[in-house]
Amino acid sequence: MPTEEAFMSGMAMMDAIVHTADLEWKPLGPGTSYRLLRVSAETGVWSAILKMEKGAVFAPHKHLGPAEVFILSGSTQDRLGVTRAGDYEFEPLGAEHPATTALEESLIHFTAHGPIAFHDDKGRIVMLLDSEFFLKAQAQEPQYSIKKAA
């Protein structure tokens, strides 16, 4: 049986219930925070609830793996248009965004099946948002309310 430490680090795939209301919002960038739901060191997949304040912007980026987006509340504007509560968006491998902006406070369920490369106006990668980022953040503050399913 894998240890709880292995489970928490994403090393083991196990049934779990994540009590999201018990998780602290952690900063991700100006006006944006997250609650991590799951991260896998093995596959690189990570899933989180993102909270964006009105006017918060995800900088220009490229998806180095597919991503799935479900708007829980609020609305955002990106390269495909406006997404509102209840909308689902699929981002294929290689999708590029000049920016994604919260039109109002928004909660977003986001699952990335690979890294997201944020770049500057010259196209240079300035940040990689990936499973390693979340595993490191998790190791620094292991305060997640995750319990094994019976």
N, C-alpha and C. Protein backbone atom coordinates (compact mmCIF):
# COMPACT_ATOMS: atom_id res chain seq x y z
N MET A 1 0.85 -1.17 0.00
CA MET A 1 0.00 0.00 0.00
C MET A 1 0.90 1.24 0.00
N PRO A 2 0.69 2.17 -0.92
CA PRO A 2 1.51 3.38 -0.95
C PRO A 2 1.33 4.21 0.33
N THR A 3 2.39 4.89 0.71
CA THR A 3 2.32 5.74 1.89
C THR A 3 1.51 6.98 1.59
N GLU A 4 1.04 7.65 2.65
CA GLU A 4 0.30 8.91 2.46
C GLU A 4 1.20 9.95 1.81
N GLU A 5 2.51 9.94 2.14
CA GLU A 5 3.44 10.88 1.54
C GLU A 5 3.51 10.67 0.02
N ALA A 6 3.54 9.40 -0.41
CA ALA A 6 3.58 9.11 -1.85
C ALA A 6 2.29 9.58 -2.50
N PHE A 7 1.16 9.34 -1.84
CA PHE A 7 -0.12 9.79 -2.37
C PHE A 7 -0.14 11.31 -2.50
N MET A 8 0.29 11.99 -1.46
CA MET A 8 0.26 13.45 -1.45
C MET A 8 1.17 14.04 -2.52
N SER A 9 2.25 13.34 -2.84
CA SER A 9 3.19 13.87 -3.82
C SER A 9 2.76 13.56 -5.24
N GLY A 10 1.68 12.83 -5.40
CA GLY A 10 1.22 12.50 -6.73
C GLY A 10 1.92 11.29 -7.31
N MET A 11 2.69 10.58 -6.50
CA MET A 11 3.44 9.43 -7.00
C MET A 11 2.54 8.21 -7.17
N ALA A 12 1.45 8.14 -6.46
CA ALA A 12 0.57 6.98 -6.54
C ALA A 12 -0.81 7.43 -7.02
N MET A 13 -1.41 6.63 -7.87
CA MET A 13 -2.76 6.93 -8.34
C MET A 13 -3.72 6.17 -7.44
N MET A 14 -4.50 6.91 -6.64
CA MET A 14 -5.42 6.29 -5.70
C MET A 14 -6.75 7.02 -5.76
N ASP A 15 -7.82 6.33 -5.35
CA ASP A 15 -9.10 6.99 -5.21
C ASP A 15 -8.97 8.04 -4.12
N ALA A 16 -9.62 9.18 -4.32
CA ALA A 16 -9.51 10.24 -3.32
C ALA A 16 -10.73 11.14 -3.37
N ILE A 17 -11.01 11.75 -2.26
CA ILE A 17 -11.99 12.83 -2.17
C ILE A 17 -11.21 14.06 -1.74
N VAL A 18 -11.37 15.13 -2.47
CA VAL A 18 -10.70 16.38 -2.11
C VAL A 18 -11.78 17.34 -1.62
N HIS A 19 -11.68 17.73 -0.39
CA HIS A 19 -12.63 18.66 0.21
C HIS A 19 -12.15 20.08 -0.12
N THR A 20 -12.56 20.57 -1.27
CA THR A 20 -12.02 21.84 -1.78
C THR A 20 -12.25 23.01 -0.84
N ALA A 21 -13.35 23.01 -0.13
CA ALA A 21 -13.62 24.12 0.79
C ALA A 21 -12.60 24.18 1.93
N ASP A 22 -11.92 23.06 2.21
CA ASP A 22 -10.92 23.01 3.27
C ASP A 22 -9.55 23.48 2.79
N LEU A 23 -9.38 23.65 1.49
CA LEU A 23 -8.08 24.04 0.94
C LEU A 23 -7.92 25.56 0.96
N GLU A 24 -6.70 25.99 1.25
CA GLU A 24 -6.41 27.42 1.20
C GLU A 24 -6.20 27.84 -0.25
N TRP A 25 -6.57 29.08 -0.55
CA TRP A 25 -6.24 29.64 -1.86
C TRP A 25 -4.77 30.02 -1.82
N LYS A 26 -4.02 29.57 -2.82
CA LYS A 26 -2.60 29.88 -2.91
C LYS A 26 -2.38 30.80 -4.10
N PRO A 27 -1.50 31.79 -3.95
CA PRO A 27 -1.28 32.74 -5.05
C PRO A 27 -0.62 32.08 -6.26
N LEU A 28 -1.08 32.47 -7.43
CA LEU A 28 -0.49 31.99 -8.68
C LEU A 28 0.07 33.14 -9.50
N GLY A 29 -0.50 34.30 -9.34
CA GLY A 29 -0.07 35.50 -10.05
C GLY A 29 -0.96 36.64 -9.63
N PRO A 30 -0.71 37.84 -10.14
CA PRO A 30 -1.54 38.99 -9.74
C PRO A 30 -3.03 38.74 -10.01
N GLY A 31 -3.82 38.76 -8.93
CA GLY A 31 -5.26 38.58 -9.06
C GLY A 31 -5.71 37.16 -9.31
N THR A 32 -4.80 36.20 -9.21
CA THR A 32 -5.13 34.80 -9.49
C THR A 32 -4.60 33.90 -8.39
N SER A 33 -5.44 32.98 -7.93
CA SER A 33 -5.03 32.00 -6.93
C SER A 33 -5.61 30.64 -7.32
N TYR A 34 -5.16 29.60 -6.60
CA TYR A 34 -5.59 28.25 -6.95
C TYR A 34 -5.76 27.39 -5.71
N ARG A 35 -6.57 26.35 -5.90
CA ARG A 35 -6.69 25.24 -4.96
C ARG A 35 -6.35 23.99 -5.77
N LEU A 36 -5.26 23.34 -5.42
CA LEU A 36 -4.81 22.16 -6.15
C LEU A 36 -5.69 20.96 -5.83
N LEU A 37 -6.20 20.30 -6.87
CA LEU A 37 -7.03 19.12 -6.69
C LEU A 37 -6.20 17.84 -6.81
N ARG A 38 -5.30 17.82 -7.79
CA ARG A 38 -4.49 16.62 -8.02
C ARG A 38 -3.30 17.00 -8.87
N VAL A 39 -2.20 16.31 -8.63
CA VAL A 39 -1.02 16.47 -9.47
C VAL A 39 -0.35 15.10 -9.58
N SER A 40 0.12 14.76 -10.76
CA SER A 40 0.77 13.47 -10.98
C SER A 40 2.18 13.69 -11.50
N ALA A 41 3.16 13.27 -10.69
CA ALA A 41 4.55 13.33 -11.13
C ALA A 41 4.78 12.36 -12.28
N GLU A 42 4.03 11.28 -12.31
CA GLU A 42 4.21 10.24 -13.33
C GLU A 42 3.74 10.70 -14.71
N THR A 43 2.57 11.34 -14.78
CA THR A 43 2.00 11.72 -16.09
C THR A 43 2.14 13.20 -16.41
N GLY A 44 2.39 14.02 -15.39
CA GLY A 44 2.46 15.46 -15.59
C GLY A 44 1.11 16.15 -15.57
N VAL A 45 0.04 15.41 -15.38
CA VAL A 45 -1.31 15.99 -15.33
C VAL A 45 -1.52 16.68 -13.99
N TRP A 46 -2.12 17.86 -14.04
CA TRP A 46 -2.51 18.54 -12.81
C TRP A 46 -3.89 19.15 -13.00
N SER A 47 -4.61 19.24 -11.91
CA SER A 47 -5.97 19.76 -11.93
C SER A 47 -6.15 20.69 -10.74
N ALA A 48 -6.77 21.84 -10.99
CA ALA A 48 -6.94 22.84 -9.93
C ALA A 48 -8.21 23.65 -10.16
N ILE A 49 -8.66 24.27 -9.09
CA ILE A 49 -9.69 25.30 -9.19
C ILE A 49 -8.92 26.62 -9.20
N LEU A 50 -9.13 27.43 -10.21
CA LEU A 50 -8.49 28.74 -10.31
C LEU A 50 -9.51 29.81 -9.95
N LYS A 51 -9.06 30.80 -9.20
CA LYS A 51 -9.91 31.95 -8.90
C LYS A 51 -9.21 33.17 -9.48
N MET A 52 -9.93 33.86 -10.38
CA MET A 52 -9.39 35.06 -11.00
C MET A 52 -10.26 36.25 -10.60
N GLU A 53 -9.62 37.29 -10.09
CA GLU A 53 -10.34 38.52 -9.80
C GLU A 53 -10.68 39.21 -11.11
N LYS A 54 -11.70 40.04 -11.11
CA LYS A 54 -12.07 40.80 -12.30
C LYS A 54 -10.84 41.56 -12.80
N GLY A 55 -10.54 41.42 -14.08
CA GLY A 55 -9.40 42.10 -14.69
C GLY A 55 -8.10 41.34 -14.63
N ALA A 56 -8.04 40.23 -13.87
CA ALA A 56 -6.81 39.43 -13.80
C ALA A 56 -6.54 38.83 -15.18
N VAL A 57 -5.25 38.72 -15.51
CA VAL A 57 -4.85 38.27 -16.84
C VAL A 57 -3.82 37.16 -16.73
N PHE A 58 -4.04 36.07 -17.48
CA PHE A 58 -2.98 35.09 -17.71
C PHE A 58 -2.15 35.64 -18.85
N ALA A 59 -0.86 35.76 -18.63
CA ALA A 59 0.04 36.30 -19.65
C ALA A 59 0.02 35.42 -20.90
N PRO A 60 0.57 35.92 -22.01
CA PRO A 60 0.64 35.11 -23.23
C PRO A 60 1.30 33.75 -22.92
N HIS A 61 0.72 32.70 -23.50
CA HIS A 61 1.24 31.36 -23.21
C HIS A 61 0.92 30.38 -24.33
N LYS A 62 1.62 29.24 -24.27
CA LYS A 62 1.43 28.15 -25.23
C LYS A 62 1.24 26.86 -24.44
N HIS A 63 0.25 26.07 -24.86
CA HIS A 63 -0.01 24.79 -24.22
C HIS A 63 0.91 23.72 -24.81
N LEU A 64 1.77 23.15 -23.95
CA LEU A 64 2.67 22.09 -24.38
C LEU A 64 2.05 20.72 -24.13
N GLY A 65 0.80 20.73 -23.82
CA GLY A 65 -0.04 19.55 -23.65
C GLY A 65 -1.47 20.05 -23.68
N PRO A 66 -2.43 19.20 -23.98
CA PRO A 66 -3.83 19.63 -24.00
C PRO A 66 -4.29 20.10 -22.63
N ALA A 67 -5.36 20.90 -22.62
CA ALA A 67 -5.94 21.37 -21.36
C ALA A 67 -7.46 21.39 -21.49
N GLU A 68 -8.12 21.20 -20.36
CA GLU A 68 -9.57 21.24 -20.30
C GLU A 68 -9.97 22.31 -19.29
N VAL A 69 -10.94 23.13 -19.69
CA VAL A 69 -11.37 24.28 -18.89
C VAL A 69 -12.88 24.21 -18.73
N PHE A 70 -13.34 24.32 -17.48
CA PHE A 70 -14.77 24.38 -17.22
C PHE A 70 -15.01 25.59 -16.32
N ILE A 71 -15.82 26.53 -16.78
CA ILE A 71 -16.10 27.75 -16.03
C ILE A 71 -17.19 27.46 -15.00
N LEU A 72 -16.82 27.52 -13.73
CA LEU A 72 -17.77 27.27 -12.64
C LEU A 72 -18.63 28.50 -12.37
N SER A 73 -18.00 29.67 -12.40
CA SER A 73 -18.72 30.93 -12.22
C SER A 73 -17.92 32.04 -12.85
N GLY A 74 -18.61 33.12 -13.19
CA GLY A 74 -17.94 34.26 -13.80
C GLY A 74 -17.82 34.11 -15.30
N SER A 75 -16.86 34.84 -15.89
CA SER A 75 -16.63 34.77 -17.33
C SER A 75 -15.22 35.24 -17.66
N THR A 76 -14.69 34.71 -18.75
CA THR A 76 -13.35 35.07 -19.21
C THR A 76 -13.38 35.35 -20.71
N GLN A 77 -12.33 36.02 -21.18
CA GLN A 77 -12.16 36.29 -22.61
C GLN A 77 -10.81 35.73 -23.01
N ASP A 78 -10.79 34.91 -24.07
CA ASP A 78 -9.52 34.40 -24.59
C ASP A 78 -9.58 34.38 -26.12
N ARG A 79 -8.64 33.69 -26.73
CA ARG A 79 -8.51 33.69 -28.19
C ARG A 79 -9.76 33.17 -28.90
N LEU A 80 -10.56 32.35 -28.22
CA LEU A 80 -11.75 31.77 -28.83
C LEU A 80 -13.01 32.59 -28.59
N GLY A 81 -12.94 33.54 -27.66
CA GLY A 81 -14.11 34.35 -27.35
C GLY A 81 -14.38 34.38 -25.86
N VAL A 82 -15.64 34.62 -25.51
CA VAL A 82 -16.05 34.73 -24.11
C VAL A 82 -16.56 33.38 -23.63
N THR A 83 -16.10 32.97 -22.45
CA THR A 83 -16.63 31.77 -21.79
C THR A 83 -17.36 32.23 -20.54
N ARG A 84 -18.50 31.58 -20.29
CA ARG A 84 -19.35 31.92 -19.15
C ARG A 84 -19.59 30.69 -18.29
N ALA A 85 -20.16 30.89 -17.12
CA ALA A 85 -20.45 29.78 -16.21
C ALA A 85 -21.16 28.66 -16.96
N GLY A 86 -20.65 27.45 -16.80
CA GLY A 86 -21.22 26.29 -17.46
C GLY A 86 -20.55 25.94 -18.78
N ASP A 87 -19.68 26.83 -19.30
CA ASP A 87 -18.99 26.56 -20.57
C ASP A 87 -17.78 25.67 -20.35
N TYR A 88 -17.53 24.80 -21.34
CA TYR A 88 -16.36 23.91 -21.37
C TYR A 88 -15.53 24.29 -22.57
N GLU A 89 -14.23 24.32 -22.38
CA GLU A 89 -13.32 24.64 -23.48
C GLU A 89 -12.18 23.63 -23.48
N PHE A 90 -11.83 23.14 -24.66
CA PHE A 90 -10.70 22.23 -24.82
C PHE A 90 -9.59 22.98 -25.54
N GLU A 91 -8.40 22.92 -25.00
CA GLU A 91 -7.22 23.55 -25.61
C GLU A 91 -6.31 22.43 -26.11
N PRO A 92 -6.11 22.32 -27.42
CA PRO A 92 -5.25 21.26 -27.93
C PRO A 92 -3.76 21.56 -27.70
N LEU A 93 -2.96 20.55 -27.83
CA LEU A 93 -1.51 20.69 -27.79
C LEU A 93 -1.10 21.77 -28.80
N GLY A 94 -0.29 22.72 -28.36
CA GLY A 94 0.19 23.76 -29.25
C GLY A 94 -0.66 25.02 -29.30
N ALA A 95 -1.83 25.01 -28.64
CA ALA A 95 -2.68 26.21 -28.64
C ALA A 95 -1.92 27.37 -28.01
N GLU A 96 -2.01 28.54 -28.65
CA GLU A 96 -1.34 29.74 -28.13
C GLU A 96 -2.37 30.81 -27.84
N HIS A 97 -2.13 31.55 -26.77
CA HIS A 97 -3.01 32.62 -26.34
C HIS A 97 -2.22 33.92 -26.21
N PRO A 98 -2.74 35.01 -26.74
CA PRO A 98 -2.10 36.29 -26.44
C PRO A 98 -2.34 36.67 -24.98
N ALA A 99 -3.49 36.31 -24.44
CA ALA A 99 -3.83 36.55 -23.03
C ALA A 99 -5.19 35.94 -22.76
N THR A 100 -5.47 35.68 -21.49
CA THR A 100 -6.79 35.27 -21.03
C THR A 100 -7.14 36.22 -19.89
N THR A 101 -8.30 36.86 -19.98
CA THR A 101 -8.68 37.89 -19.02
C THR A 101 -10.01 37.54 -18.35
N ALA A 102 -10.06 37.72 -17.03
CA ALA A 102 -11.31 37.54 -16.29
C ALA A 102 -12.16 38.79 -16.46
N LEU A 103 -13.35 38.63 -17.00
CA LEU A 103 -14.26 39.76 -17.19
C LEU A 103 -14.99 40.11 -15.90
N GLU A 104 -15.01 39.16 -14.98
CA GLU A 104 -15.58 39.34 -13.64
C GLU A 104 -14.90 38.29 -12.77
N GLU A 105 -15.10 38.35 -11.46
CA GLU A 105 -14.49 37.31 -10.64
C GLU A 105 -14.96 35.96 -11.16
N SER A 106 -14.01 35.05 -11.35
CA SER A 106 -14.33 33.77 -11.98
C SER A 106 -13.69 32.62 -11.24
N LEU A 107 -14.42 31.51 -11.17
CA LEU A 107 -13.89 30.24 -10.68
C LEU A 107 -13.84 29.28 -11.85
N ILE A 108 -12.69 28.63 -12.03
CA ILE A 108 -12.45 27.80 -13.21
C ILE A 108 -11.87 26.46 -12.77
N HIS A 109 -12.47 25.37 -13.24
CA HIS A 109 -11.86 24.05 -13.04
C HIS A 109 -10.95 23.83 -14.25
N PHE A 110 -9.66 23.69 -13.99
CA PHE A 110 -8.66 23.61 -15.05
C PHE A 110 -7.86 22.33 -14.89
N THR A 111 -7.77 21.54 -15.95
CA THR A 111 -6.94 20.34 -15.96
C THR A 111 -5.97 20.45 -17.12
N ALA A 112 -4.68 20.38 -16.81
CA ALA A 112 -3.63 20.44 -17.83
C ALA A 112 -3.01 19.05 -17.98
N HIS A 113 -2.90 18.62 -19.23
CA HIS A 113 -2.30 17.33 -19.54
C HIS A 113 -0.86 17.52 -20.01
N GLY A 114 -0.24 18.56 -19.50
CA GLY A 114 1.14 18.89 -19.84
C GLY A 114 1.43 20.32 -19.43
N PRO A 115 2.66 20.77 -19.63
CA PRO A 115 3.06 22.11 -19.19
C PRO A 115 2.40 23.23 -19.99
N ILE A 116 2.42 24.40 -19.39
CA ILE A 116 2.00 25.63 -20.06
C ILE A 116 3.20 26.56 -20.01
N ALA A 117 3.65 27.01 -21.17
CA ALA A 117 4.81 27.88 -21.27
C ALA A 117 4.36 29.33 -21.42
N PHE A 118 4.64 30.14 -20.41
CA PHE A 118 4.34 31.57 -20.48
C PHE A 118 5.53 32.27 -21.10
N HIS A 119 5.26 33.19 -22.02
CA HIS A 119 6.37 33.83 -22.74
C HIS A 119 6.23 35.35 -22.75
N ASP A 120 7.35 36.01 -23.01
CA ASP A 120 7.35 37.46 -23.08
C ASP A 120 7.01 37.90 -24.51
N ASP A 121 7.07 39.20 -24.76
CA ASP A 121 6.69 39.72 -26.08
C ASP A 121 7.67 39.34 -27.19
N LYS A 122 8.81 38.78 -26.83
CA LYS A 122 9.78 38.30 -27.82
C LYS A 122 9.69 36.79 -28.02
N GLY A 123 8.73 36.16 -27.32
CA GLY A 123 8.53 34.73 -27.46
C GLY A 123 9.43 33.89 -26.56
N ARG A 124 10.20 34.53 -25.68
CA ARG A 124 11.07 33.78 -24.77
C ARG A 124 10.25 33.26 -23.59
N ILE A 125 10.44 31.98 -23.26
CA ILE A 125 9.73 31.39 -22.12
C ILE A 125 10.25 32.01 -20.83
N VAL A 126 9.34 32.55 -20.04
CA VAL A 126 9.71 33.18 -18.77
C VAL A 126 9.20 32.38 -17.57
N MET A 127 8.28 31.45 -17.81
CA MET A 127 7.77 30.61 -16.72
C MET A 127 7.13 29.36 -17.32
N LEU A 128 7.35 28.24 -16.66
CA LEU A 128 6.73 26.99 -17.06
C LEU A 128 5.81 26.56 -15.92
N LEU A 129 4.52 26.47 -16.21
CA LEU A 129 3.54 26.02 -15.22
C LEU A 129 3.28 24.55 -15.51
N ASP A 130 3.76 23.70 -14.62
CA ASP A 130 3.69 22.26 -14.87
C ASP A 130 3.54 21.51 -13.56
N SER A 131 3.50 20.18 -13.64
CA SER A 131 3.33 19.36 -12.45
C SER A 131 4.45 19.60 -11.45
N GLU A 132 5.66 19.82 -11.92
CA GLU A 132 6.80 20.05 -11.02
C GLU A 132 6.58 21.32 -10.17
N PHE A 133 6.02 22.36 -10.80
CA PHE A 133 5.71 23.59 -10.07
C PHE A 133 4.79 23.28 -8.89
N PHE A 134 3.73 22.51 -9.14
CA PHE A 134 2.76 22.21 -8.09
C PHE A 134 3.30 21.22 -7.07
N LEU A 135 4.11 20.25 -7.51
CA LEU A 135 4.71 19.31 -6.57
C LEU A 135 5.64 20.04 -5.61
N LYS A 136 6.43 20.99 -6.12
CA LYS A 136 7.32 21.77 -5.25
C LYS A 136 6.50 22.62 -4.28
N ALA A 137 5.46 23.28 -4.78
CA ALA A 137 4.61 24.10 -3.91
C ALA A 137 3.94 23.24 -2.84
N GLN A 138 3.53 22.05 -3.22
CA GLN A 138 2.87 21.12 -2.30
C GLN A 138 3.85 20.65 -1.23
N ALA A 139 5.09 20.39 -1.60
CA ALA A 139 6.09 19.92 -0.65
C ALA A 139 6.41 20.99 0.39
N GLN A 140 6.30 22.26 0.01
CA GLN A 140 6.59 23.35 0.93
C GLN A 140 5.47 23.56 1.94
N GLU A 141 4.24 23.32 1.52
CA GLU A 141 3.10 23.54 2.42
C GLU A 141 2.10 22.41 2.29
N PRO A 142 2.40 21.24 2.86
CA PRO A 142 1.50 20.09 2.70
C PRO A 142 0.28 20.19 3.61
N GLN A 143 -0.67 21.09 3.28
CA GLN A 143 -1.85 21.29 4.10
C GLN A 143 -3.11 20.94 3.33
N TYR A 144 -3.09 19.87 2.60
CA TYR A 144 -4.23 19.51 1.77
C TYR A 144 -5.14 18.55 2.52
N SER A 145 -6.42 18.74 2.39
CA SER A 145 -7.41 17.90 3.04
C SER A 145 -7.82 16.80 2.07
N ILE A 146 -6.94 15.85 1.89
CA ILE A 146 -7.20 14.75 0.97
C ILE A 146 -7.30 13.48 1.78
N LYS A 147 -8.34 12.74 1.55
CA LYS A 147 -8.54 11.51 2.27
C LYS A 147 -8.72 10.36 1.28
N LYS A 148 -8.22 9.19 1.65
CA LYS A 148 -8.39 8.02 0.81
C LYS A 148 -9.85 7.57 0.86
N ALA A 149 -10.35 7.13 -0.28
CA ALA A 149 -11.72 6.62 -0.32
C ALA A 149 -11.75 5.25 0.37
N ALA A 150 -12.86 4.92 0.99
CA ALA A 150 -12.99 3.64 1.68
C ALA A 150 -13.15 2.51 0.69
